Every structure is written in C-alpha cells, then in structure tokens.
Amino acid sequence: QRTMRQTGRRRDQLPSGLVCLYGAAAGFAMWLTSY
C-alpha cells in the first residue's frame, strides 16, 4: 500500500523484485513474532 501511494502505480505494476522483497519481509515478520 505504501509503495502504491508513493509511486502512483497499480498493484499489478509493482516490480517483481519489490514483490519478492516484501514477501521476504512478511516471512520475517511472521516468524520473529511467532517462533
């Protein structure tokens, strides 16, 4: 959501690299709080 607001891009226009980076961040957020 933050990237879409800042860049004005639609969700399907986000670069694959950013999707992967945000997915990795989501994984860390999950496991660091639930391990």
PDB file of all heavy atoms in Angstrom:
ATOM      1  N   GLN A   1       0.829  -1.212   0.000  1.00  0.00           N
ATOM      2  CA  GLN A   1       0.000   0.000   0.000  1.00  0.00           C
ATOM      3  C   GLN A   1       0.859   1.257   0.000  1.00  0.00           C
ATOM      4  O   GLN A   1       0.573   2.220  -0.725  1.00  0.00           O
ATOM      5  CB  GLN A   1      -0.922   0.004   1.232  1.00  0.00           C
ATOM      6  CG  GLN A   1      -2.096  -0.940   1.147  1.00  0.00           C
ATOM      7  CD  GLN A   1      -3.078  -0.751   2.304  1.00  0.00           C
ATOM      8  OE1 GLN A   1      -2.983   0.204   3.074  1.00  0.00           O
ATOM      9  NE2 GLN A   1      -4.026  -1.660   2.411  1.00  0.00           N
ATOM     10  N   ARG A   2       1.923   1.258   0.808  1.00  0.00           N
ATOM     11  CA  ARG A   2       2.789   2.441   0.871  1.00  0.00           C
ATOM     12  C   ARG A   2       3.452   2.711  -0.480  1.00  0.00           C
ATOM     13  O   ARG A   2       3.495   3.865  -0.944  1.00  0.00           O
ATOM     14  CB  ARG A   2       3.870   2.247   1.935  1.00  0.00           C
ATOM     15  CG  ARG A   2       4.717   3.501   2.179  1.00  0.00           C
ATOM     16  CD  ARG A   2       5.883   3.216   3.081  1.00  0.00           C
ATOM     17  NE  ARG A   2       6.864   2.332   2.443  1.00  0.00           N
ATOM     18  CZ  ARG A   2       8.051   2.028   2.958  1.00  0.00           C
ATOM     19  NH1 ARG A   2       8.397   2.502   4.140  1.00  0.00           N
ATOM     20  NH2 ARG A   2       8.873   1.223   2.317  1.00  0.00           N
ATOM     21  N   THR A   3       3.936   1.658  -1.120  1.00  0.00           N
ATOM     22  CA  THR A   3       4.593   1.822  -2.418  1.00  0.00           C
ATOM     23  C   THR A   3       3.618   2.318  -3.479  1.00  0.00           C
ATOM     24  O   THR A   3       3.956   3.178  -4.301  1.00  0.00           O
ATOM     25  CB  THR A   3       5.225   0.483  -2.860  1.00  0.00           C
ATOM     26  OG1 THR A   3       6.169   0.065  -1.876  1.00  0.00           O
ATOM     27  CG2 THR A   3       5.922   0.622  -4.207  1.00  0.00           C
ATOM     28  N   MET A   4       2.399   1.801  -3.456  1.00  0.00           N
ATOM     29  CA  MET A   4       1.394   2.240  -4.418  1.00  0.00           C
ATOM     30  C   MET A   4       1.058   3.715  -4.228  1.00  0.00           C
ATOM     31  O   MET A   4       0.902   4.457  -5.202  1.00  0.00           O
ATOM     32  CB  MET A   4       0.141   1.366  -4.292  1.00  0.00           C
ATOM     33  CG  MET A   4       0.335  -0.064  -4.778  1.00  0.00           C
ATOM     34  SD  MET A   4      -1.027  -1.176  -4.329  1.00  0.00           S
ATOM     35  CE  MET A   4      -2.381  -0.464  -5.255  1.00  0.00           C
ATOM     36  N   ARG A   5       0.970   4.143  -2.966  1.00  0.00           N
ATOM     37  CA  ARG A   5       0.680   5.567  -2.705  1.00  0.00           C
ATOM     38  C   ARG A   5       1.826   6.457  -3.157  1.00  0.00           C
ATOM     39  O   ARG A   5       1.616   7.526  -3.743  1.00  0.00           O
ATOM     40  CB  ARG A   5       0.439   5.782  -1.200  1.00  0.00           C
ATOM     41  CG  ARG A   5      -0.887   5.291  -0.683  1.00  0.00           C
ATOM     42  CD  ARG A   5      -1.203   5.888   0.686  1.00  0.00           C
ATOM     43  NE  ARG A   5      -0.139   5.640   1.649  1.00  0.00           N
ATOM     44  CZ  ARG A   5      -0.077   4.578   2.439  1.00  0.00           C
ATOM     45  NH1 ARG A   5      -1.019   3.635   2.367  1.00  0.00           N
ATOM     46  NH2 ARG A   5       0.913   4.433   3.310  1.00  0.00           N
ATOM     47  N   GLN A   6       3.055   6.020  -2.879  1.00  0.00           N
ATOM     48  CA  GLN A   6       4.223   6.851  -3.184  1.00  0.00           C
ATOM     49  C   GLN A   6       4.522   6.928  -4.678  1.00  0.00           C
ATOM     50  O   GLN A   6       5.009   7.951  -5.162  1.00  0.00           O
ATOM     51  CB  GLN A   6       5.442   6.317  -2.431  1.00  0.00           C
ATOM     52  CG  GLN A   6       5.373   6.505  -0.922  1.00  0.00           C
ATOM     53  CD  GLN A   6       6.571   5.896  -0.206  1.00  0.00           C
ATOM     54  OE1 GLN A   6       7.308   5.092  -0.775  1.00  0.00           O
ATOM     55  NE2 GLN A   6       6.774   6.290   1.047  1.00  0.00           N
ATOM     56  N   THR A   7       4.265   5.844  -5.398  1.00  0.00           N
ATOM     57  CA  THR A   7       4.635   5.794  -6.817  1.00  0.00           C
ATOM     58  C   THR A   7       3.461   6.033  -7.763  1.00  0.00           C
ATOM     59  O   THR A   7       3.668   6.309  -8.948  1.00  0.00           O
ATOM     60  CB  THR A   7       5.258   4.424  -7.156  1.00  0.00           C
ATOM     61  OG1 THR A   7       4.268   3.389  -6.955  1.00  0.00           O
ATOM     62  CG2 THR A   7       6.470   4.148  -6.271  1.00  0.00           C
ATOM     63  N   GLY A   8       2.233   5.879  -7.235  1.00  0.00           N
ATOM     64  CA  GLY A   8       1.061   6.028  -8.093  1.00  0.00           C
ATOM     65  C   GLY A   8       0.834   4.829  -8.990  1.00  0.00           C
ATOM     66  O   GLY A   8      -0.006   4.885  -9.900  1.00  0.00           O
ATOM     67  N   ARG A   9       1.549   3.739  -8.752  1.00  0.00           N
ATOM     68  CA  ARG A   9       1.386   2.537  -9.575  1.00  0.00           C
ATOM     69  C   ARG A   9       0.244   1.670  -9.060  1.00  0.00           C
ATOM     70  O   ARG A   9      -0.073   1.678  -7.874  1.00  0.00           O
ATOM     71  CB  ARG A   9       2.679   1.709  -9.563  1.00  0.00           C
ATOM     72  CG  ARG A   9       3.850   2.356 -10.271  1.00  0.00           C
ATOM     73  CD  ARG A   9       5.081   1.470 -10.138  1.00  0.00           C
ATOM     74  NE  ARG A   9       6.201   1.967 -10.920  1.00  0.00           N
ATOM     75  CZ  ARG A   9       7.401   1.412 -10.933  1.00  0.00           C
ATOM     76  NH1 ARG A   9       7.649   0.336 -10.189  1.00  0.00           N
ATOM     77  NH2 ARG A   9       8.369   1.924 -11.679  1.00  0.00           N
ATOM     78  N   ARG A  10      -0.346   0.905  -9.985  1.00  0.00           N
ATOM     79  CA  ARG A  10      -1.308  -0.108  -9.581  1.00  0.00           C
ATOM     80  C   ARG A  10      -0.568  -1.320  -9.019  1.00  0.00           C
ATOM     81  O   ARG A  10       0.635  -1.483  -9.240  1.00  0.00           O
ATOM     82  CB  ARG A  10      -2.162  -0.558 -10.775  1.00  0.00           C
ATOM     83  CG  ARG A  10      -2.991   0.536 -11.421  1.00  0.00           C
ATOM     84  CD  ARG A  10      -4.008  -0.092 -12.386  1.00  0.00           C
ATOM     85  NE  ARG A  10      -3.384  -1.078 -13.270  1.00  0.00           N
ATOM     86  CZ  ARG A  10      -2.846  -0.778 -14.448  1.00  0.00           C
ATOM     87  NH1 ARG A  10      -2.831   0.488 -14.884  1.00  0.00           N
ATOM     88  NH2 ARG A  10      -2.318  -1.731 -15.200  1.00  0.00           N
ATOM     89  N   ARG A  11      -1.293  -2.186  -8.364  1.00  0.00           N
ATOM     90  CA  ARG A  11      -0.689  -3.370  -7.755  1.00  0.00           C
ATOM     91  C   ARG A  11       0.002  -4.250  -8.806  1.00  0.00           C
ATOM     92  O   ARG A  11       1.092  -4.770  -8.574  1.00  0.00           O
ATOM     93  CB  ARG A  11      -1.781  -4.174  -7.028  1.00  0.00           C
ATOM     94  CG  ARG A  11      -1.243  -5.281  -6.126  1.00  0.00           C
ATOM     95  CD  ARG A  11      -2.389  -6.059  -5.503  1.00  0.00           C
ATOM     96  NE  ARG A  11      -1.922  -6.951  -4.476  1.00  0.00           N
ATOM     97  CZ  ARG A  11      -1.932  -6.700  -3.179  1.00  0.00           C
ATOM     98  NH1 ARG A  11      -2.407  -5.551  -2.733  1.00  0.00           N
ATOM     99  NH2 ARG A  11      -1.479  -7.586  -2.302  1.00  0.00           N
ATOM    100  N   ASP A  12      -0.645  -4.403  -9.961  1.00  0.00           N
ATOM    101  CA  ASP A  12      -0.063  -5.271 -10.992  1.00  0.00           C
ATOM    102  C   ASP A  12       1.099  -4.619 -11.743  1.00  0.00           C
ATOM    103  O   ASP A  12       1.675  -5.218 -12.650  1.00  0.00           O
ATOM    104  CB  ASP A  12      -1.137  -5.740 -11.985  1.00  0.00           C
ATOM    105  CG  ASP A  12      -1.821  -4.594 -12.705  1.00  0.00           C
ATOM    106  OD1 ASP A  12      -1.421  -3.421 -12.489  1.00  0.00           O
ATOM    107  OD2 ASP A  12      -2.754  -4.858 -13.485  1.00  0.00           O
ATOM    108  N   GLN A  13       1.435  -3.387 -11.360  1.00  0.00           N
ATOM    109  CA  GLN A  13       2.576  -2.700 -11.974  1.00  0.00           C
ATOM    110  C   GLN A  13       3.813  -2.707 -11.080  1.00  0.00           C
ATOM    111  O   GLN A  13       4.860  -2.197 -11.473  1.00  0.00           O
ATOM    112  CB  GLN A  13       2.195  -1.254 -12.298  1.00  0.00           C
ATOM    113  CG  GLN A  13       1.110  -1.122 -13.366  1.00  0.00           C
ATOM    114  CD  GLN A  13       0.676   0.317 -13.576  1.00  0.00           C
ATOM    115  OE1 GLN A  13       0.633   1.117 -12.628  1.00  0.00           O
ATOM    116  NE2 GLN A  13       0.361   0.663 -14.822  1.00  0.00           N
ATOM    117  N   LEU A  14       3.697  -3.272  -9.892  1.00  0.00           N
ATOM    118  CA  LEU A  14       4.843  -3.302  -8.984  1.00  0.00           C
ATOM    119  C   LEU A  14       5.913  -4.242  -9.520  1.00  0.00           C
ATOM    120  O   LEU A  14       5.604  -5.346  -9.990  1.00  0.00           O
ATOM    121  CB  LEU A  14       4.407  -3.753  -7.589  1.00  0.00           C
ATOM    122  CG  LEU A  14       3.413  -2.842  -6.850  1.00  0.00           C
ATOM    123  CD1 LEU A  14       3.095  -3.421  -5.471  1.00  0.00           C
ATOM    124  CD2 LEU A  14       3.968  -1.431  -6.723  1.00  0.00           C
ATOM    125  N   PRO A  15       7.191  -3.856  -9.448  1.00  0.00           N
ATOM    126  CA  PRO A  15       8.274  -4.704  -9.945  1.00  0.00           C
ATOM    127  C   PRO A  15       8.348  -6.028  -9.181  1.00  0.00           C
ATOM    128  O   PRO A  15       8.082  -6.079  -7.964  1.00  0.00           O
ATOM    129  CB  PRO A  15       9.532  -3.866  -9.686  1.00  0.00           C
ATOM    130  CG  PRO A  15       9.043  -2.461  -9.524  1.00  0.00           C
ATOM    131  CD  PRO A  15       7.680  -2.554  -8.935  1.00  0.00           C
ATOM    132  N   SER A  16       8.716  -7.092  -9.882  1.00  0.00           N
ATOM    133  CA  SER A  16       8.815  -8.411  -9.255  1.00  0.00           C
ATOM    134  C   SER A  16       9.818  -8.420  -8.103  1.00  0.00           C
ATOM    135  O   SER A  16       9.613  -9.105  -7.097  1.00  0.00           O
ATOM    136  CB  SER A  16       9.232  -9.449 -10.305  1.00  0.00           C
ATOM    137  OG  SER A  16       8.265  -9.541 -11.325  1.00  0.00           O
ATOM    138  N   GLY A  17      10.887  -7.654  -8.256  1.00  0.00           N
ATOM    139  CA  GLY A  17      11.890  -7.597  -7.198  1.00  0.00           C
ATOM    140  C   GLY A  17      11.317  -7.067  -5.897  1.00  0.00           C
ATOM    141  O   GLY A  17      11.643  -7.569  -4.805  1.00  0.00           O
ATOM    142  N   LEU A  18      10.445  -6.045  -5.997  1.00  0.00           N
ATOM    143  CA  LEU A  18       9.817  -5.496  -4.792  1.00  0.00           C
ATOM    144  C   LEU A  18       8.847  -6.495  -4.180  1.00  0.00           C
ATOM    145  O   LEU A  18       8.772  -6.625  -2.956  1.00  0.00           O
ATOM    146  CB  LEU A  18       9.065  -4.202  -5.126  1.00  0.00           C
ATOM    147  CG  LEU A  18       9.863  -2.896  -5.093  1.00  0.00           C
ATOM    148  CD1 LEU A  18       8.912  -1.723  -5.321  1.00  0.00           C
ATOM    149  CD2 LEU A  18      10.592  -2.731  -3.763  1.00  0.00           C
ATOM    150  N   VAL A  19       8.096  -7.208  -5.020  1.00  0.00           N
ATOM    151  CA  VAL A  19       7.169  -8.227  -4.517  1.00  0.00           C
ATOM    152  C   VAL A  19       7.939  -9.285  -3.727  1.00  0.00           C
ATOM    153  O   VAL A  19       7.530  -9.687  -2.631  1.00  0.00           O
ATOM    154  CB  VAL A  19       6.390  -8.882  -5.677  1.00  0.00           C
ATOM    155  CG1 VAL A  19       5.565 -10.066  -5.177  1.00  0.00           C
ATOM    156  CG2 VAL A  19       5.479  -7.859  -6.347  1.00  0.00           C
ATOM    157  N   CYS A  20       9.072  -9.728  -4.269  1.00  0.00           N
ATOM    158  CA  CYS A  20       9.898 -10.712  -3.572  1.00  0.00           C
ATOM    159  C   CYS A  20      10.446 -10.150  -2.261  1.00  0.00           C
ATOM    160  O   CYS A  20      10.446 -10.830  -1.225  1.00  0.00           O
ATOM    161  CB  CYS A  20      11.060 -11.160  -4.459  1.00  0.00           C
ATOM    162  SG  CYS A  20      10.571 -12.204  -5.850  1.00  0.00           S
ATOM    163  N   LEU A  21      10.911  -8.913  -2.298  1.00  0.00           N
ATOM    164  CA  LEU A  21      11.457  -8.278  -1.095  1.00  0.00           C
ATOM    165  C   LEU A  21      10.395  -8.143  -0.015  1.00  0.00           C
ATOM    166  O   LEU A  21      10.646  -8.456   1.161  1.00  0.00           O
ATOM    167  CB  LEU A  21      12.006  -6.894  -1.456  1.00  0.00           C
ATOM    168  CG  LEU A  21      12.654  -6.103  -0.301  1.00  0.00           C
ATOM    169  CD1 LEU A  21      13.878  -6.840   0.235  1.00  0.00           C
ATOM    170  CD2 LEU A  21      13.033  -4.701  -0.773  1.00  0.00           C
ATOM    171  N   TYR A  22       9.193  -7.722  -0.389  1.00  0.00           N
ATOM    172  CA  TYR A  22       8.118  -7.559   0.578  1.00  0.00           C
ATOM    173  C   TYR A  22       7.643  -8.929   1.092  1.00  0.00           C
ATOM    174  O   TYR A  22       7.243  -9.046   2.257  1.00  0.00           O
ATOM    175  CB  TYR A  22       6.950  -6.794  -0.038  1.00  0.00           C
ATOM    176  CG  TYR A  22       7.273  -5.354  -0.392  1.00  0.00           C
ATOM    177  CD1 TYR A  22       6.434  -4.605  -1.215  1.00  0.00           C
ATOM    178  CD2 TYR A  22       8.430  -4.743   0.086  1.00  0.00           C
ATOM    179  CE1 TYR A  22       6.722  -3.290  -1.544  1.00  0.00           C
ATOM    180  CE2 TYR A  22       8.736  -3.422  -0.243  1.00  0.00           C
ATOM    181  CZ  TYR A  22       7.882  -2.712  -1.063  1.00  0.00           C
ATOM    182  OH  TYR A  22       8.182  -1.406  -1.384  1.00  0.00           O
ATOM    183  N   GLY A  23       7.668  -9.927   0.231  1.00  0.00           N
ATOM    184  CA  GLY A  23       7.318 -11.279   0.671  1.00  0.00           C
ATOM    185  C   GLY A  23       8.302 -11.799   1.705  1.00  0.00           C
ATOM    186  O   GLY A  23       7.913 -12.408   2.714  1.00  0.00           O
ATOM    187  N   ALA A  24       9.586 -11.534   1.477  1.00  0.00           N
ATOM    188  CA  ALA A  24      10.615 -11.930   2.438  1.00  0.00           C
ATOM    189  C   ALA A  24      10.405 -11.210   3.766  1.00  0.00           C
ATOM    190  O   ALA A  24      10.504 -11.805   4.853  1.00  0.00           O
ATOM    191  CB  ALA A  24      12.002 -11.629   1.882  1.00  0.00           C
ATOM    192  N   ALA A  25      10.096  -9.913   3.704  1.00  0.00           N
ATOM    193  CA  ALA A  25       9.842  -9.133   4.923  1.00  0.00           C
ATOM    194  C   ALA A  25       8.651  -9.689   5.686  1.00  0.00           C
ATOM    195  O   ALA A  25       8.655  -9.752   6.928  1.00  0.00           O
ATOM    196  CB  ALA A  25       9.598  -7.670   4.562  1.00  0.00           C
ATOM    197  N   ALA A  26       7.619 -10.120   4.962  1.00  0.00           N
ATOM    198  CA  ALA A  26       6.444 -10.707   5.600  1.00  0.00           C
ATOM    199  C   ALA A  26       6.820 -11.994   6.335  1.00  0.00           C
ATOM    200  O   ALA A  26       6.336 -12.253   7.447  1.00  0.00           O
ATOM    201  CB  ALA A  26       5.370 -10.997   4.556  1.00  0.00           C
ATOM    202  N   GLY A  27       7.690 -12.788   5.711  1.00  0.00           N
ATOM    203  CA  GLY A  27       8.135 -14.016   6.360  1.00  0.00           C
ATOM    204  C   GLY A  27       8.869 -13.744   7.657  1.00  0.00           C
ATOM    205  O   GLY A  27       8.646 -14.407   8.679  1.00  0.00           O
ATOM    206  N   PHE A  28       9.749 -12.741   7.641  1.00  0.00           N
ATOM    207  CA  PHE A  28      10.469 -12.378   8.867  1.00  0.00           C
ATOM    208  C   PHE A  28       9.504 -11.867   9.939  1.00  0.00           C
ATOM    209  O   PHE A  28       9.642 -12.191  11.123  1.00  0.00           O
ATOM    210  CB  PHE A  28      11.523 -11.308   8.567  1.00  0.00           C
ATOM    211  CG  PHE A  28      12.696 -11.826   7.792  1.00  0.00           C
ATOM    212  CD1 PHE A  28      13.129 -11.175   6.647  1.00  0.00           C
ATOM    213  CD2 PHE A  28      13.373 -12.964   8.196  1.00  0.00           C
ATOM    214  CE1 PHE A  28      14.210 -11.655   5.912  1.00  0.00           C
ATOM    215  CE2 PHE A  28      14.466 -13.456   7.475  1.00  0.00           C
ATOM    216  CZ  PHE A  28      14.882 -12.795   6.340  1.00  0.00           C
ATOM    217  N   ALA A  29       8.519 -11.061   9.535  1.00  0.00           N
ATOM    218  CA  ALA A  29       7.548 -10.532  10.495  1.00  0.00           C
ATOM    219  C   ALA A  29       6.767 -11.656  11.157  1.00  0.00           C
ATOM    220  O   ALA A  29       6.491 -11.621  12.369  1.00  0.00           O
ATOM    221  CB  ALA A  29       6.586  -9.571   9.790  1.00  0.00           C
ATOM    222  N   MET A  30       6.429 -12.673  10.384  1.00  0.00           N
ATOM    223  CA  MET A  30       5.680 -13.801  10.931  1.00  0.00           C
ATOM    224  C   MET A  30       6.508 -14.594  11.933  1.00  0.00           C
ATOM    225  O   MET A  30       6.094 -14.822  13.070  1.00  0.00           O
ATOM    226  CB  MET A  30       5.216 -14.721   9.800  1.00  0.00           C
ATOM    227  CG  MET A  30       4.514 -15.978  10.295  1.00  0.00           C
ATOM    228  SD  MET A  30       4.010 -17.052   8.930  1.00  0.00           S
ATOM    229  CE  MET A  30       3.177 -18.354   9.843  1.00  0.00           C
ATOM    230  N   TRP A  31       7.702 -14.993  11.513  1.00  0.00           N
ATOM    231  CA  TRP A  31       8.469 -15.929  12.346  1.00  0.00           C
ATOM    232  C   TRP A  31       9.118 -15.265  13.549  1.00  0.00           C
ATOM    233  O   TRP A  31       9.259 -15.892  14.607  1.00  0.00           O
ATOM    234  CB  TRP A  31       9.495 -16.652  11.483  1.00  0.00           C
ATOM    235  CG  TRP A  31       8.842 -17.642  10.585  1.00  0.00           C
ATOM    236  CD1 TRP A  31       8.729 -17.586   9.227  1.00  0.00           C
ATOM    237  CD2 TRP A  31       8.141 -18.824  10.987  1.00  0.00           C
ATOM    238  NE1 TRP A  31       8.002 -18.653   8.767  1.00  0.00           N
ATOM    239  CE2 TRP A  31       7.635 -19.432   9.818  1.00  0.00           C
ATOM    240  CE3 TRP A  31       7.897 -19.420  12.231  1.00  0.00           C
ATOM    241  CZ2 TRP A  31       6.898 -20.620   9.862  1.00  0.00           C
ATOM    242  CZ3 TRP A  31       7.160 -20.603  12.266  1.00  0.00           C
ATOM    243  CH2 TRP A  31       6.673 -21.188  11.088  1.00  0.00           C
ATOM    244  N   LEU A  32       9.509 -14.020  13.444  1.00  0.00           N
ATOM    245  CA  LEU A  32      10.118 -13.348  14.589  1.00  0.00           C
ATOM    246  C   LEU A  32       9.113 -13.116  15.712  1.00  0.00           C
ATOM    247  O   LEU A  32       9.501 -12.967  16.871  1.00  0.00           O
ATOM    248  CB  LEU A  32      10.736 -12.016  14.150  1.00  0.00           C
ATOM    249  CG  LEU A  32      12.026 -12.139  13.322  1.00  0.00           C
ATOM    250  CD1 LEU A  32      12.452 -10.780  12.782  1.00  0.00           C
ATOM    251  CD2 LEU A  32      13.158 -12.761  14.148  1.00  0.00           C
ATOM    252  N   THR A  33       7.820 -13.099  15.372  1.00  0.00           N
ATOM    253  CA  THR A  33       6.798 -12.891  16.397  1.00  0.00           C
ATOM    254  C   THR A  33       6.091 -14.182  16.809  1.00  0.00           C
ATOM    255  O   THR A  33       5.352 -14.181  17.795  1.00  0.00           O
ATOM    256  CB  THR A  33       5.735 -11.890  15.904  1.00  0.00           C
ATOM    257  OG1 THR A  33       5.151 -12.379  14.686  1.00  0.00           O
ATOM    258  CG2 THR A  33       6.357 -10.522  15.647  1.00  0.00           C
ATOM    259  N   SER A  34       6.301 -15.267  16.072  1.00  0.00           N
ATOM    260  CA  SER A  34       5.541 -16.495  16.333  1.00  0.00           C
ATOM    261  C   SER A  34       6.402 -17.730  16.568  1.00  0.00           C
ATOM    262  O   SER A  34       5.859 -18.822  16.768  1.00  0.00           O
ATOM    263  CB  SER A  34       4.586 -16.772  15.157  1.00  0.00           C
ATOM    264  OG  SER A  34       3.707 -15.699  14.955  1.00  0.00           O
ATOM    265  N   TYR A  35       7.712 -17.571  16.552  1.00  0.00           N
ATOM    266  CA  TYR A  35       8.553 -18.761  16.620  1.00  0.00           C
ATOM    267  C   TYR A  35       8.393 -19.569  17.910  1.00  0.00           C
ATOM    268  O   TYR A  35       8.337 -20.799  17.861  1.00  0.00           O
ATOM    269  CB  TYR A  35      10.029 -18.399  16.407  1.00  0.00           C
ATOM    270  CG  TYR A  35      10.850 -19.630  16.100  1.00  0.00           C
ATOM    271  CD1 TYR A  35      10.849 -20.182  14.829  1.00  0.00           C
ATOM    272  CD2 TYR A  35      11.584 -20.272  17.094  1.00  0.00           C
ATOM    273  CE1 TYR A  35      11.558 -21.323  14.546  1.00  0.00           C
ATOM    274  CE2 TYR A  35      12.300 -21.422  16.819  1.00  0.00           C
ATOM    275  CZ  TYR A  35      12.283 -21.946  15.543  1.00  0.00           C
ATOM    276  OH  TYR A  35      12.970 -23.095  15.275  1.00  0.00           O
TER     277      TYR A  35
END
